[in-house]
Amino acid sequence: METKTQQAADQLYREYSQKIPYSLMNTDLVPLSEAAAYDIQKEFMFKRAQNAGGYSGYKIAYTTKVMQERVGASQPVFGRLLSNSVYQSPASLFAVNYVNLALECEVAVTMASDLDAHDKGVDRVTVFDAIKHLQLAFEVVDIRKSASENSLIQSIATNIHGAGVVLGQPVANWRELDIPSAKCELKLDGVSVGTGQGSDVNGHPVEPMIWIAKTLNAMGGSLKKGDIVITGSMIPPIEVKPGMKATLHMDLFGEITLDVQ
């Protein structure tokens, strides 16, 4: 007999596949804690990963105090990235494959080695030493409606709208660079629609890596070699429609582009 967690994941997967509003919060399957929501997310994303080539890493959300206060979070949250949703810039995506396609502007971190907290512990030195390179990135988000008021619990359970990532060129010498001062700008069809800078993400886009390393360790997991982690958006989500071209430029990182078809 299925557990409530499995039943909730089954329901989310059906609604995800049918592109209909999530109704988890209107049922008796609603998780009562963040831990229970993560359990549902794990089962839900496992189902999605079966036809996606597995996992490629993680997304971190709500990495600023402003966003945490807006959603009622006391700390960041994380979701999973799927292997078949990692793209290289220049990229093209079809809007018809999403319910409500939007982009966030982030820095992606790729791990050079496993980070087993039981062997090394988790602190700034061990986390930073395990990083291979950084890349400018679009997070692809699919903002799906809910049959009830959106909540932090449901956001965690449904993978925080995560639908993929578009990556730019690797930056290996990132420790030598003043990334917090680096400015970024998002343009749609050549028109500026948002600006930010590296310090907008916890003071430094790599800083949230310490949080996720410790969080995964507490849950019995760890970051692995090759994992890609996007660490939080410097610009609020921007919806995109067919025919649009998105261009993101960031000092020190260069430029990435995405055509929406």
Protein backbone atom coordinates (compact mmCIF):
# COMPACT_ATOMS: atom_id res chain seq x y z
CA MET A 1 0.00 0.00 0.00
CA GLU A 2 1.32 3.43 -0.93
CA THR A 3 2.28 5.89 1.78
CA LYS A 4 0.76 9.38 1.88
CA THR A 5 4.05 10.71 0.55
CA GLN A 6 3.86 8.40 -2.47
CA GLN A 7 0.20 9.25 -3.03
CA ALA A 8 1.00 12.96 -2.95
CA ALA A 9 3.86 12.49 -5.42
CA ASP A 10 1.59 10.45 -7.71
CA GLN A 11 -0.99 13.23 -7.67
CA LEU A 12 1.59 15.92 -8.42
CA TYR A 13 3.03 13.87 -11.25
CA ARG A 14 -0.42 13.42 -12.83
CA GLU A 15 -1.13 17.15 -12.58
CA TYR A 16 2.34 18.00 -13.88
CA SER A 17 1.92 15.68 -16.87
CA GLN A 18 -1.56 17.01 -17.65
CA LYS A 19 -0.45 20.66 -17.22
CA ILE A 20 -3.27 21.39 -14.81
CA PRO A 21 -3.16 23.37 -11.53
CA TYR A 22 -1.56 21.69 -8.53
CA SER A 23 -4.18 20.81 -5.94
CA LEU A 24 -2.01 19.32 -3.18
CA MET A 25 -2.96 21.96 -0.60
CA ASN A 26 -6.66 21.17 -1.08
CA THR A 27 -6.33 17.49 -0.15
CA ASP A 28 -5.69 15.43 2.94
CA LEU A 29 -2.26 14.66 1.46
CA VAL A 30 -0.97 18.15 2.27
CA PRO A 31 2.46 17.98 3.97
CA LEU A 32 2.53 19.45 7.45
CA SER A 33 6.20 20.44 7.52
CA GLU A 34 9.08 21.40 5.24
CA ALA A 35 10.64 17.99 5.88
CA ALA A 36 7.47 16.26 4.67
CA ALA A 37 7.40 18.56 1.61
CA TYR A 38 10.97 17.56 0.75
CA ASP A 39 9.97 13.89 1.04
CA ILE A 40 7.21 14.50 -1.51
CA GLN A 41 9.57 16.46 -3.77
CA LYS A 42 12.02 13.55 -3.69
CA GLU A 43 9.34 11.09 -4.85
CA PHE A 44 7.84 13.51 -7.38
CA MET A 45 11.20 14.31 -8.98
CA PHE A 46 12.21 10.65 -8.97
CA LYS A 47 9.21 9.96 -11.19
CA ARG A 48 10.17 12.81 -13.53
CA ALA A 49 13.83 11.72 -13.57
CA GLN A 50 12.97 8.28 -14.98
CA ASN A 51 12.44 9.76 -18.44
CA ALA A 52 14.96 12.56 -18.07
CA GLY A 53 18.28 10.76 -17.79
CA GLY A 54 18.44 11.20 -14.03
CA TYR A 55 19.64 14.25 -12.12
CA SER A 56 22.22 16.88 -13.01
CA GLY A 57 22.24 18.86 -9.76
CA TYR A 58 20.24 21.34 -7.69
CA LYS A 59 18.57 24.72 -7.70
CA ILE A 60 18.59 26.99 -4.66
CA ALA A 61 15.79 29.50 -4.17
CA TYR A 62 14.92 32.28 -1.72
CA THR A 63 18.55 33.20 -1.06
CA THR A 64 17.74 36.79 -0.06
CA LYS A 65 16.01 38.04 3.08
CA VAL A 66 13.50 39.93 0.94
CA MET A 67 12.37 36.77 -0.84
CA GLN A 68 12.36 34.75 2.38
CA GLU A 69 10.09 37.29 4.04
CA ARG A 70 7.81 37.33 1.00
CA VAL A 71 7.21 33.56 1.10
CA GLY A 72 7.51 33.04 4.85
CA ALA A 73 10.80 31.14 4.72
CA SER A 74 13.43 31.18 7.46
CA GLN A 75 16.18 29.95 5.13
CA PRO A 76 16.70 29.08 1.44
CA VAL A 77 15.09 26.02 -0.13
CA PHE A 78 16.30 23.67 -2.84
CA GLY A 79 14.96 21.66 -5.76
CA ARG A 80 16.45 19.27 -8.33
CA LEU A 81 17.76 19.78 -11.86
CA LEU A 82 17.13 17.04 -14.41
CA SER A 83 19.79 15.90 -16.88
CA ASN A 84 17.67 16.45 -19.98
CA SER A 85 16.96 20.06 -19.04
CA VAL A 86 20.54 21.36 -19.07
CA TYR A 87 21.26 23.44 -22.19
CA GLN A 88 24.26 25.33 -23.51
CA SER A 89 24.00 28.91 -24.77
CA PRO A 90 23.00 29.83 -27.43
CA ALA A 91 19.86 27.79 -26.82
CA SER A 92 16.31 27.52 -28.15
CA LEU A 93 13.24 26.37 -26.23
CA PHE A 94 9.64 25.81 -27.31
CA ALA A 95 7.15 27.67 -25.14
CA VAL A 96 4.48 25.07 -25.91
CA ASN A 97 6.39 22.61 -23.71
CA TYR A 98 5.71 24.77 -20.65
CA VAL A 99 2.63 26.15 -18.93
CA ASN A 100 4.07 29.61 -18.25
CA LEU A 101 7.70 29.96 -19.30
CA ALA A 102 9.89 32.44 -17.42
CA LEU A 103 13.59 33.08 -16.86
CA GLU A 104 15.72 33.89 -13.86
CA CYS A 105 19.29 35.20 -14.04
CA GLU A 106 21.78 33.25 -11.98
CA VAL A 107 25.30 31.95 -11.52
CA ALA A 108 25.79 28.19 -11.86
CA VAL A 109 28.40 26.27 -9.88
CA THR A 110 29.87 22.96 -11.06
CA MET A 111 31.49 20.62 -8.55
CA ALA A 112 35.02 19.33 -9.21
CA SER A 113 34.82 16.58 -6.61
CA ASP A 114 32.50 14.83 -4.21
CA LEU A 115 31.90 16.70 -0.99
CA ASP A 116 31.41 14.03 1.63
CA ALA A 117 30.87 15.84 4.91
CA HIS A 118 31.68 12.70 6.88
CA ASP A 119 35.21 12.78 5.47
CA LYS A 120 35.92 16.52 5.29
CA GLY A 121 33.26 18.38 7.24
CA VAL A 122 31.41 21.30 5.67
CA ASP A 123 32.77 24.82 5.85
CA ARG A 124 33.71 27.61 3.46
CA VAL A 125 37.16 26.14 2.74
CA THR A 126 36.01 22.61 1.94
CA VAL A 127 33.06 23.78 -0.16
CA PHE A 128 35.03 26.35 -2.16
CA ASP A 129 37.91 23.89 -2.72
CA ALA A 130 35.47 21.39 -4.23
CA ILE A 131 34.21 23.82 -6.91
CA LYS A 132 35.39 23.38 -10.50
CA HIS A 133 34.06 26.53 -12.17
CA LEU A 134 31.22 29.03 -12.39
CA GLN A 135 29.00 29.90 -15.36
CA LEU A 136 26.44 32.56 -16.13
CA ALA A 137 23.03 30.91 -16.35
CA PHE A 138 19.38 31.31 -17.12
CA GLU A 139 17.19 29.27 -14.82
CA VAL A 140 14.23 28.06 -16.85
CA VAL A 141 11.12 28.20 -14.69
CA ASP A 142 7.62 26.95 -15.46
CA ILE A 143 5.24 28.94 -13.28
CA ARG A 144 2.25 26.67 -12.80
CA LYS A 145 -0.97 27.75 -11.20
CA SER A 146 -2.21 26.19 -8.00
CA ALA A 147 -5.79 25.28 -7.18
CA SER A 148 -5.17 26.91 -3.81
CA GLU A 149 -3.11 29.77 -2.48
CA ASN A 150 0.58 29.22 -3.13
CA SER A 151 2.59 28.29 -0.05
CA LEU A 152 6.19 27.58 0.86
CA ILE A 153 5.26 23.96 1.58
CA GLN A 154 3.72 23.43 -1.85
CA SER A 155 6.59 25.29 -3.51
CA ILE A 156 9.08 22.84 -2.03
CA ALA A 157 6.97 19.80 -2.88
CA THR A 158 6.57 20.89 -6.52
CA ASN A 159 10.28 21.68 -7.06
CA ILE A 160 9.92 25.47 -6.87
CA HIS A 161 8.91 25.84 -10.54
CA GLY A 162 12.29 24.49 -11.67
CA ALA A 163 12.36 23.43 -15.33
CA GLY A 164 15.99 23.63 -16.41
CA VAL A 165 19.08 25.74 -16.93
CA VAL A 166 20.94 27.39 -19.83
CA LEU A 167 24.69 27.67 -19.25
CA GLY A 168 27.37 30.04 -20.52
CA GLN A 169 31.14 29.71 -20.71
CA PRO A 170 33.03 28.31 -17.68
CA VAL A 171 34.93 30.74 -15.46
CA ALA A 172 37.63 28.79 -13.64
CA ASN A 173 39.50 31.68 -11.97
CA TRP A 174 36.43 32.89 -10.09
CA ARG A 175 38.26 33.27 -6.76
CA GLU A 176 40.42 35.99 -8.29
CA LEU A 177 37.42 38.05 -9.45
CA ASP A 178 35.27 40.67 -7.74
CA ILE A 179 32.02 38.84 -8.49
CA PRO A 180 29.89 40.68 -5.88
CA SER A 181 30.49 43.93 -7.81
CA ALA A 182 29.81 42.39 -11.22
CA LYS A 183 26.66 43.84 -12.76
CA CYS A 184 24.20 41.92 -14.92
CA GLU A 185 21.48 43.00 -17.33
CA LEU A 186 18.67 41.03 -18.95
CA LYS A 187 17.31 42.15 -22.31
CA LEU A 188 14.32 40.88 -24.25
CA ASP A 189 14.54 41.65 -27.95
CA GLY A 190 17.22 44.22 -27.17
CA VAL A 191 15.20 46.06 -24.51
CA SER A 192 16.46 46.06 -20.92
CA VAL A 193 13.96 44.41 -18.54
CA GLY A 194 16.05 43.86 -15.42
CA THR A 195 19.39 44.53 -13.75
CA GLY A 196 21.24 43.18 -10.75
CA GLN A 197 24.67 42.30 -9.46
CA GLY A 198 26.53 39.45 -7.82
CA SER A 199 26.09 40.75 -4.29
CA ASP A 200 22.30 40.41 -4.65
CA VAL A 201 22.67 36.67 -3.88
CA ASN A 202 23.69 36.41 -0.22
CA GLY A 203 26.51 38.87 -0.81
CA HIS A 204 28.20 36.48 -3.27
CA PRO A 205 26.62 33.95 -5.66
CA VAL A 206 28.82 31.15 -4.29
CA GLU A 207 27.82 31.76 -0.67
CA PRO A 208 24.61 29.61 -0.85
CA MET A 209 26.78 26.59 -1.68
CA ILE A 210 27.73 26.37 1.97
CA TRP A 211 24.06 26.25 2.95
CA ILE A 212 23.13 23.51 0.46
CA ALA A 213 26.17 21.41 1.34
CA LYS A 214 25.22 21.47 5.03
CA THR A 215 21.52 20.92 4.28
CA LEU A 216 22.14 17.88 2.07
CA ASN A 217 24.49 16.47 4.68
CA ALA A 218 21.80 16.82 7.35
CA MET A 219 19.43 14.90 5.06
CA GLY A 220 21.93 12.09 4.52
CA GLY A 221 23.13 13.25 1.10
CA SER A 222 26.00 15.25 -0.35
CA LEU A 223 27.15 17.21 -3.38
CA LYS A 224 28.83 15.04 -6.01
CA LYS A 225 31.45 15.60 -8.69
CA GLY A 226 29.79 17.09 -11.76
CA ASP A 227 26.75 18.41 -9.91
CA ILE A 228 25.50 21.73 -11.25
CA VAL A 229 24.00 24.09 -8.69
CA ILE A 230 22.25 27.36 -9.52
CA THR A 231 22.40 29.56 -6.47
CA GLY A 232 19.61 32.14 -6.70
CA SER A 233 18.42 34.84 -9.05
CA MET A 234 19.90 38.32 -9.29
CA ILE A 235 16.79 39.50 -11.21
CA PRO A 236 13.12 38.63 -10.50
CA PRO A 237 11.51 36.08 -12.87
CA ILE A 238 10.65 37.47 -16.29
CA GLU A 239 7.98 35.79 -18.43
CA VAL A 240 8.92 35.11 -22.04
CA LYS A 241 6.74 34.36 -25.06
CA PRO A 242 7.27 32.74 -28.48
CA GLY A 243 9.32 34.91 -30.82
CA MET A 244 11.32 36.56 -28.05
CA LYS A 245 15.11 36.51 -27.72
CA ALA A 246 16.55 36.79 -24.22
CA THR A 247 20.10 38.03 -23.70
CA LEU A 248 21.84 38.10 -20.33
CA HIS A 249 25.16 39.90 -19.90
CA MET A 250 27.23 39.94 -16.73
CA ASP A 251 30.57 41.57 -16.07
CA LEU A 252 33.36 38.94 -15.89
CA PHE A 253 31.07 36.19 -17.22
CA GLY A 254 30.18 37.37 -20.72
CA GLU A 255 26.82 36.76 -22.37
CA ILE A 256 24.24 34.02 -22.88
CA THR A 257 21.23 33.94 -25.21
CA LEU A 258 17.97 32.05 -25.49
CA ASP A 259 15.49 32.06 -28.37
CA VAL A 260 11.90 31.22 -27.45
CA GLN A 261 9.94 29.49 -30.19
